[in-house]
């Protein structure tokens, strides 16, 4: 493993805000006011995982499932079991999800989950 001193291309002054991430990597934050039915939400997430699992680098968030807060998190095809919280961590009851993906258009995820909320 090389240190930063051995990798001059990685050295940056504090003023430099340049990042050298792969342009195919994207972060998407979504918020939904409407609660989800667990069966609809989990089916949508299963479909996304089956179709694009290797490109789901990270998924995490808190989902409003019929008024109850449920924490979801996963990496690619591997998801931890959902955890239902005893109470909401704040007054905010919106579903909040963060996706870190590779080569997935943000609209793909947004449209899938928006369609689920309309069911």
N, C-alpha and C. Protein backbone atom coordinates (compact mmCIF):
# COMPACT_ATOMS: atom_id res chain seq x y z
N UNK A 1 0.84 -1.18 0.00
CA UNK A 1 0.00 0.00 0.00
C UNK A 1 0.88 1.23 0.00
N UNK A 2 0.56 2.18 -0.86
CA UNK A 2 1.35 3.40 -0.94
C UNK A 2 0.72 4.48 -0.08
N UNK A 3 1.54 5.32 0.48
CA UNK A 3 1.05 6.44 1.27
C UNK A 3 0.78 7.63 0.35
N UNK A 4 0.16 8.67 0.90
CA UNK A 4 -0.12 9.87 0.11
C UNK A 4 1.17 10.48 -0.41
N UNK A 5 2.24 10.38 0.36
CA UNK A 5 3.53 10.93 -0.08
C UNK A 5 4.04 10.19 -1.31
N UNK A 6 3.67 8.94 -1.45
CA UNK A 6 4.11 8.16 -2.59
C UNK A 6 3.15 8.31 -3.77
N UNK A 7 2.03 8.97 -3.55
CA UNK A 7 1.03 9.16 -4.60
C UNK A 7 0.79 10.65 -4.79
N UNK A 8 1.69 11.35 -5.47
CA UNK A 8 1.52 12.79 -5.61
C UNK A 8 0.21 13.19 -6.28
N UNK A 9 -0.37 12.33 -7.11
CA UNK A 9 -1.63 12.67 -7.76
C UNK A 9 -2.78 12.75 -6.76
N UNK A 10 -2.61 12.20 -5.58
CA UNK A 10 -3.66 12.22 -4.56
C UNK A 10 -3.50 13.41 -3.62
N UNK A 11 -2.37 14.07 -3.65
CA UNK A 11 -2.14 15.18 -2.75
C UNK A 11 -2.94 16.38 -3.23
N UNK A 12 -3.60 17.04 -2.29
CA UNK A 12 -4.39 18.22 -2.60
C UNK A 12 -4.18 19.24 -1.50
N UNK A 13 -4.19 20.47 -1.89
CA UNK A 13 -4.15 21.52 -0.88
C UNK A 13 -5.54 21.64 -0.27
N UNK A 14 -5.67 22.24 0.91
CA UNK A 14 -7.00 22.37 1.52
C UNK A 14 -7.99 23.15 0.65
N UNK A 15 -7.50 24.01 -0.22
CA UNK A 15 -8.40 24.78 -1.07
C UNK A 15 -8.96 23.96 -2.23
N UNK A 16 -8.32 22.85 -2.56
CA UNK A 16 -8.72 22.06 -3.71
C UNK A 16 -9.91 21.20 -3.35
N UNK A 17 -10.98 21.31 -4.14
CA UNK A 17 -12.19 20.53 -3.91
C UNK A 17 -12.36 19.44 -4.98
N UNK A 18 -11.34 19.19 -5.74
CA UNK A 18 -11.42 18.23 -6.82
C UNK A 18 -11.51 16.81 -6.27
N UNK A 19 -12.46 16.07 -6.79
CA UNK A 19 -12.55 14.66 -6.46
C UNK A 19 -12.31 13.87 -7.73
N UNK A 20 -11.82 12.69 -7.58
CA UNK A 20 -11.50 11.87 -8.74
C UNK A 20 -12.31 10.58 -8.73
N UNK A 21 -13.61 10.72 -8.53
CA UNK A 21 -14.47 9.56 -8.52
C UNK A 21 -14.79 9.14 -9.95
N UNK A 22 -15.10 7.90 -10.08
CA UNK A 22 -15.57 7.37 -11.34
C UNK A 22 -16.88 8.10 -11.69
N UNK A 23 -17.00 8.67 -12.88
CA UNK A 23 -18.22 9.41 -13.24
C UNK A 23 -19.46 8.51 -13.29
N UNK A 24 -19.27 7.21 -13.33
CA UNK A 24 -20.42 6.30 -13.34
C UNK A 24 -21.04 6.14 -11.95
N UNK A 25 -20.32 6.57 -10.92
CA UNK A 25 -20.80 6.46 -9.54
C UNK A 25 -21.65 7.69 -9.23
N UNK A 26 -22.86 7.45 -8.73
CA UNK A 26 -23.78 8.54 -8.42
C UNK A 26 -24.40 8.33 -7.04
N UNK A 27 -24.73 9.43 -6.42
CA UNK A 27 -25.46 9.40 -5.15
C UNK A 27 -26.83 10.02 -5.39
N UNK A 28 -27.83 9.34 -4.88
CA UNK A 28 -29.20 9.81 -5.03
C UNK A 28 -29.87 9.80 -3.66
N UNK A 29 -30.40 10.93 -3.25
CA UNK A 29 -31.16 11.03 -2.01
C UNK A 29 -32.62 11.26 -2.37
N UNK A 30 -33.48 10.43 -1.81
CA UNK A 30 -34.91 10.54 -2.10
C UNK A 30 -35.69 10.74 -0.81
N UNK A 31 -36.80 11.44 -0.93
CA UNK A 31 -37.68 11.70 0.21
C UNK A 31 -39.11 11.52 -0.29
N UNK A 32 -39.91 10.79 0.47
CA UNK A 32 -41.31 10.57 0.11
C UNK A 32 -42.18 10.90 1.32
N UNK A 33 -43.22 11.70 1.10
CA UNK A 33 -44.14 12.05 2.17
C UNK A 33 -45.15 10.95 2.43
N UNK A 34 -45.57 10.26 1.38
CA UNK A 34 -46.57 9.21 1.52
C UNK A 34 -45.95 7.95 2.12
N UNK A 35 -46.62 7.33 3.09
CA UNK A 35 -46.13 6.05 3.63
C UNK A 35 -46.20 4.95 2.57
N UNK A 36 -45.37 3.96 2.74
CA UNK A 36 -45.36 2.79 1.87
C UNK A 36 -46.06 1.63 2.55
N UNK A 37 -46.64 0.75 1.75
CA UNK A 37 -47.02 -0.58 2.23
C UNK A 37 -45.75 -1.42 2.11
N UNK A 38 -45.43 -2.18 3.14
CA UNK A 38 -44.18 -2.93 3.13
C UNK A 38 -44.09 -3.85 1.92
N UNK A 39 -45.16 -4.53 1.58
CA UNK A 39 -45.11 -5.47 0.46
C UNK A 39 -44.76 -4.75 -0.84
N UNK A 40 -45.29 -3.57 -1.07
CA UNK A 40 -45.00 -2.83 -2.29
C UNK A 40 -43.56 -2.32 -2.29
N UNK A 41 -43.12 -1.74 -1.15
CA UNK A 41 -41.76 -1.22 -1.07
C UNK A 41 -40.74 -2.34 -1.23
N UNK A 42 -40.92 -3.44 -0.50
CA UNK A 42 -39.93 -4.52 -0.56
C UNK A 42 -39.92 -5.18 -1.94
N UNK A 43 -41.06 -5.25 -2.59
CA UNK A 43 -41.11 -5.81 -3.95
C UNK A 43 -40.33 -4.92 -4.92
N UNK A 44 -40.48 -3.61 -4.79
CA UNK A 44 -39.74 -2.68 -5.65
C UNK A 44 -38.24 -2.80 -5.41
N UNK A 45 -37.85 -2.87 -4.14
CA UNK A 45 -36.43 -3.02 -3.82
C UNK A 45 -35.89 -4.36 -4.29
N UNK A 46 -36.68 -5.42 -4.18
CA UNK A 46 -36.28 -6.73 -4.70
C UNK A 46 -36.09 -6.69 -6.21
N UNK A 47 -37.00 -6.04 -6.91
CA UNK A 47 -36.89 -5.92 -8.37
C UNK A 47 -35.62 -5.17 -8.75
N UNK A 48 -35.38 -4.05 -8.08
CA UNK A 48 -34.17 -3.28 -8.36
C UNK A 48 -32.92 -4.10 -8.08
N UNK A 49 -32.93 -4.85 -7.00
CA UNK A 49 -31.78 -5.69 -6.63
C UNK A 49 -31.57 -6.80 -7.65
N UNK A 50 -32.65 -7.44 -8.08
CA UNK A 50 -32.52 -8.51 -9.07
C UNK A 50 -32.01 -8.00 -10.41
N UNK A 51 -32.49 -6.83 -10.81
CA UNK A 51 -32.13 -6.29 -12.12
C UNK A 51 -30.77 -5.59 -12.12
N UNK A 52 -30.43 -4.91 -11.01
CA UNK A 52 -29.24 -4.08 -11.00
C UNK A 52 -28.38 -4.25 -9.75
N UNK A 53 -28.52 -5.37 -9.07
CA UNK A 53 -27.82 -5.61 -7.81
C UNK A 53 -26.35 -5.26 -7.79
N UNK A 54 -25.56 -5.70 -8.77
CA UNK A 54 -24.12 -5.38 -8.74
C UNK A 54 -23.84 -3.88 -8.78
N UNK A 55 -24.80 -3.10 -9.28
CA UNK A 55 -24.61 -1.66 -9.39
C UNK A 55 -25.21 -0.87 -8.22
N UNK A 56 -25.82 -1.58 -7.27
CA UNK A 56 -26.31 -0.94 -6.04
C UNK A 56 -25.17 -1.00 -5.03
N UNK A 57 -24.34 0.00 -5.03
CA UNK A 57 -23.16 -0.01 -4.17
C UNK A 57 -23.53 0.17 -2.71
N UNK A 58 -24.59 0.93 -2.44
CA UNK A 58 -25.04 1.14 -1.06
C UNK A 58 -26.45 1.69 -1.10
N UNK A 59 -27.28 1.15 -0.22
CA UNK A 59 -28.65 1.64 -0.05
C UNK A 59 -28.89 1.72 1.45
N UNK A 60 -29.38 2.85 1.90
CA UNK A 60 -29.72 2.95 3.32
C UNK A 60 -30.78 4.02 3.51
N UNK A 61 -31.54 3.84 4.56
CA UNK A 61 -32.54 4.85 4.85
C UNK A 61 -33.54 4.40 5.88
N UNK A 62 -34.47 5.29 6.12
CA UNK A 62 -35.58 5.02 7.02
C UNK A 62 -36.86 5.17 6.21
N UNK A 63 -37.69 4.15 6.28
CA UNK A 63 -38.89 4.08 5.45
C UNK A 63 -40.13 4.18 6.34
N UNK A 64 -41.06 5.03 5.94
CA UNK A 64 -42.33 5.12 6.63
C UNK A 64 -43.21 4.00 6.08
N UNK A 65 -43.36 2.95 6.88
CA UNK A 65 -44.18 1.81 6.49
C UNK A 65 -45.48 1.90 7.27
N UNK A 66 -46.48 2.44 6.60
CA UNK A 66 -47.81 2.58 7.19
C UNK A 66 -47.73 3.26 8.56
N UNK A 67 -46.88 4.31 8.65
CA UNK A 67 -46.75 5.09 9.87
C UNK A 67 -45.64 4.67 10.81
N UNK A 68 -45.02 3.52 10.54
CA UNK A 68 -43.96 3.00 11.41
C UNK A 68 -42.59 3.17 10.76
N UNK A 69 -41.56 3.58 11.53
CA UNK A 69 -40.22 3.74 10.95
C UNK A 69 -39.50 2.41 10.83
N UNK A 70 -39.01 2.14 9.63
CA UNK A 70 -38.26 0.90 9.36
C UNK A 70 -36.94 1.28 8.71
N UNK A 71 -35.85 0.79 9.28
CA UNK A 71 -34.51 1.06 8.74
C UNK A 71 -34.16 -0.03 7.74
N UNK A 72 -33.70 0.40 6.56
CA UNK A 72 -33.23 -0.55 5.54
C UNK A 72 -31.80 -0.18 5.16
N UNK A 73 -31.00 -1.20 4.90
CA UNK A 73 -29.64 -0.95 4.42
C UNK A 73 -29.11 -2.20 3.74
N UNK A 74 -28.33 -1.94 2.68
CA UNK A 74 -27.78 -3.05 1.94
C UNK A 74 -26.66 -2.62 1.03
N UNK A 75 -25.96 -3.63 0.54
CA UNK A 75 -24.87 -3.45 -0.42
C UNK A 75 -25.07 -4.50 -1.50
N UNK A 76 -25.22 -4.04 -2.72
CA UNK A 76 -25.45 -4.90 -3.88
C UNK A 76 -26.63 -5.83 -3.60
N UNK A 77 -26.42 -7.14 -3.61
CA UNK A 77 -27.51 -8.10 -3.39
C UNK A 77 -27.73 -8.43 -1.91
N UNK A 78 -26.89 -7.91 -1.05
CA UNK A 78 -26.94 -8.29 0.36
C UNK A 78 -27.59 -7.18 1.18
N UNK A 79 -28.73 -7.49 1.77
CA UNK A 79 -29.45 -6.54 2.60
C UNK A 79 -29.57 -7.10 4.01
N UNK A 80 -29.35 -6.23 4.98
CA UNK A 80 -29.61 -6.61 6.36
C UNK A 80 -31.11 -6.74 6.54
N UNK A 81 -31.54 -7.55 7.51
CA UNK A 81 -32.98 -7.60 7.76
C UNK A 81 -33.48 -6.21 8.15
N UNK A 82 -34.66 -5.82 7.70
CA UNK A 82 -35.19 -4.51 8.07
C UNK A 82 -35.42 -4.46 9.58
N UNK A 83 -35.21 -3.27 10.14
CA UNK A 83 -35.36 -3.08 11.59
C UNK A 83 -36.47 -2.07 11.83
N UNK A 84 -37.54 -2.50 12.49
CA UNK A 84 -38.61 -1.57 12.85
C UNK A 84 -38.21 -0.89 14.16
N UNK A 85 -38.18 0.43 14.12
CA UNK A 85 -37.83 1.21 15.31
C UNK A 85 -39.05 1.35 16.22
N UNK A 86 -38.78 1.52 17.51
CA UNK A 86 -39.86 1.71 18.47
C UNK A 86 -40.55 3.05 18.27
N UNK A 87 -39.76 4.04 17.81
CA UNK A 87 -40.31 5.37 17.59
C UNK A 87 -39.48 6.07 16.53
N UNK A 88 -40.01 7.15 15.99
CA UNK A 88 -39.30 7.95 15.01
C UNK A 88 -38.19 8.72 15.72
N UNK A 89 -37.04 8.89 15.09
CA UNK A 89 -35.94 9.62 15.73
C UNK A 89 -36.18 11.13 15.80
N UNK A 90 -37.16 11.65 15.07
CA UNK A 90 -37.49 13.07 15.09
C UNK A 90 -38.96 13.22 14.71
N UNK A 91 -39.40 14.45 14.58
CA UNK A 91 -40.78 14.72 14.16
C UNK A 91 -40.99 14.44 12.67
N UNK A 92 -39.93 14.32 11.92
CA UNK A 92 -39.98 14.07 10.48
C UNK A 92 -40.43 12.64 10.23
N UNK A 93 -41.53 12.47 9.53
CA UNK A 93 -42.08 11.14 9.25
C UNK A 93 -41.91 10.73 7.78
N UNK A 94 -41.16 11.51 7.02
CA UNK A 94 -40.94 11.19 5.61
C UNK A 94 -39.99 10.01 5.47
N UNK A 95 -40.20 9.23 4.43
CA UNK A 95 -39.22 8.21 4.04
C UNK A 95 -38.01 8.94 3.48
N UNK A 96 -36.83 8.54 3.93
CA UNK A 96 -35.58 9.13 3.45
C UNK A 96 -34.65 8.01 3.05
N UNK A 97 -34.26 7.99 1.80
CA UNK A 97 -33.40 6.93 1.26
C UNK A 97 -32.20 7.53 0.55
N UNK A 98 -31.05 6.86 0.68
CA UNK A 98 -29.84 7.26 -0.03
C UNK A 98 -29.35 6.04 -0.81
N UNK A 99 -29.08 6.27 -2.09
CA UNK A 99 -28.56 5.23 -2.98
C UNK A 99 -27.21 5.70 -3.50
N UNK A 100 -26.23 4.83 -3.43
CA UNK A 100 -24.97 5.05 -4.13
C UNK A 100 -24.92 3.96 -5.18
N UNK A 101 -24.88 4.38 -6.44
CA UNK A 101 -25.03 3.44 -7.54
C UNK A 101 -23.93 3.62 -8.59
N UNK A 102 -23.87 2.64 -9.46
CA UNK A 102 -22.97 2.71 -10.60
C UNK A 102 -23.81 2.46 -11.86
N UNK A 103 -23.77 3.41 -12.78
CA UNK A 103 -24.46 3.28 -14.07
C UNK A 103 -25.96 3.06 -13.96
N UNK A 104 -26.59 3.64 -12.95
CA UNK A 104 -28.05 3.60 -12.85
C UNK A 104 -28.52 5.05 -12.89
N UNK A 105 -29.36 5.36 -13.84
CA UNK A 105 -29.90 6.72 -13.94
C UNK A 105 -30.77 6.99 -12.71
N UNK A 106 -30.62 8.14 -12.10
CA UNK A 106 -31.43 8.46 -10.92
C UNK A 106 -32.93 8.33 -11.18
N UNK A 107 -33.36 8.65 -12.40
CA UNK A 107 -34.78 8.57 -12.74
C UNK A 107 -35.31 7.15 -12.63
N UNK A 108 -34.46 6.17 -12.89
CA UNK A 108 -34.88 4.77 -12.81
C UNK A 108 -35.36 4.44 -11.40
N UNK A 109 -34.57 4.81 -10.42
CA UNK A 109 -34.92 4.53 -9.03
C UNK A 109 -36.09 5.42 -8.59
N UNK A 110 -36.01 6.68 -8.91
CA UNK A 110 -37.05 7.63 -8.51
C UNK A 110 -38.41 7.21 -9.09
N UNK A 111 -38.44 6.85 -10.36
CA UNK A 111 -39.70 6.46 -11.00
C UNK A 111 -40.26 5.16 -10.42
N UNK A 112 -39.39 4.21 -10.14
CA UNK A 112 -39.83 2.94 -9.57
C UNK A 112 -40.51 3.17 -8.21
N UNK A 113 -39.83 3.90 -7.34
CA UNK A 113 -40.38 4.13 -6.00
C UNK A 113 -41.59 5.07 -6.02
N UNK A 114 -41.61 6.03 -6.94
CA UNK A 114 -42.77 6.90 -7.06
C UNK A 114 -43.99 6.10 -7.51
N UNK A 115 -43.78 5.16 -8.40
CA UNK A 115 -44.87 4.31 -8.86
C UNK A 115 -45.43 3.48 -7.71
N UNK A 116 -44.56 3.01 -6.84
CA UNK A 116 -44.98 2.20 -5.70
C UNK A 116 -45.83 3.02 -4.74
N UNK A 117 -45.48 4.29 -4.52
CA UNK A 117 -46.26 5.11 -3.59
C UNK A 117 -47.65 5.40 -4.12
N UNK A 118 -47.82 5.32 -5.43
CA UNK A 118 -49.12 5.63 -6.00
C UNK A 118 -50.08 4.41 -5.99
N UNK A 119 -49.57 3.26 -5.59
CA UNK A 119 -50.42 2.06 -5.56
C UNK A 119 -51.38 2.09 -4.38
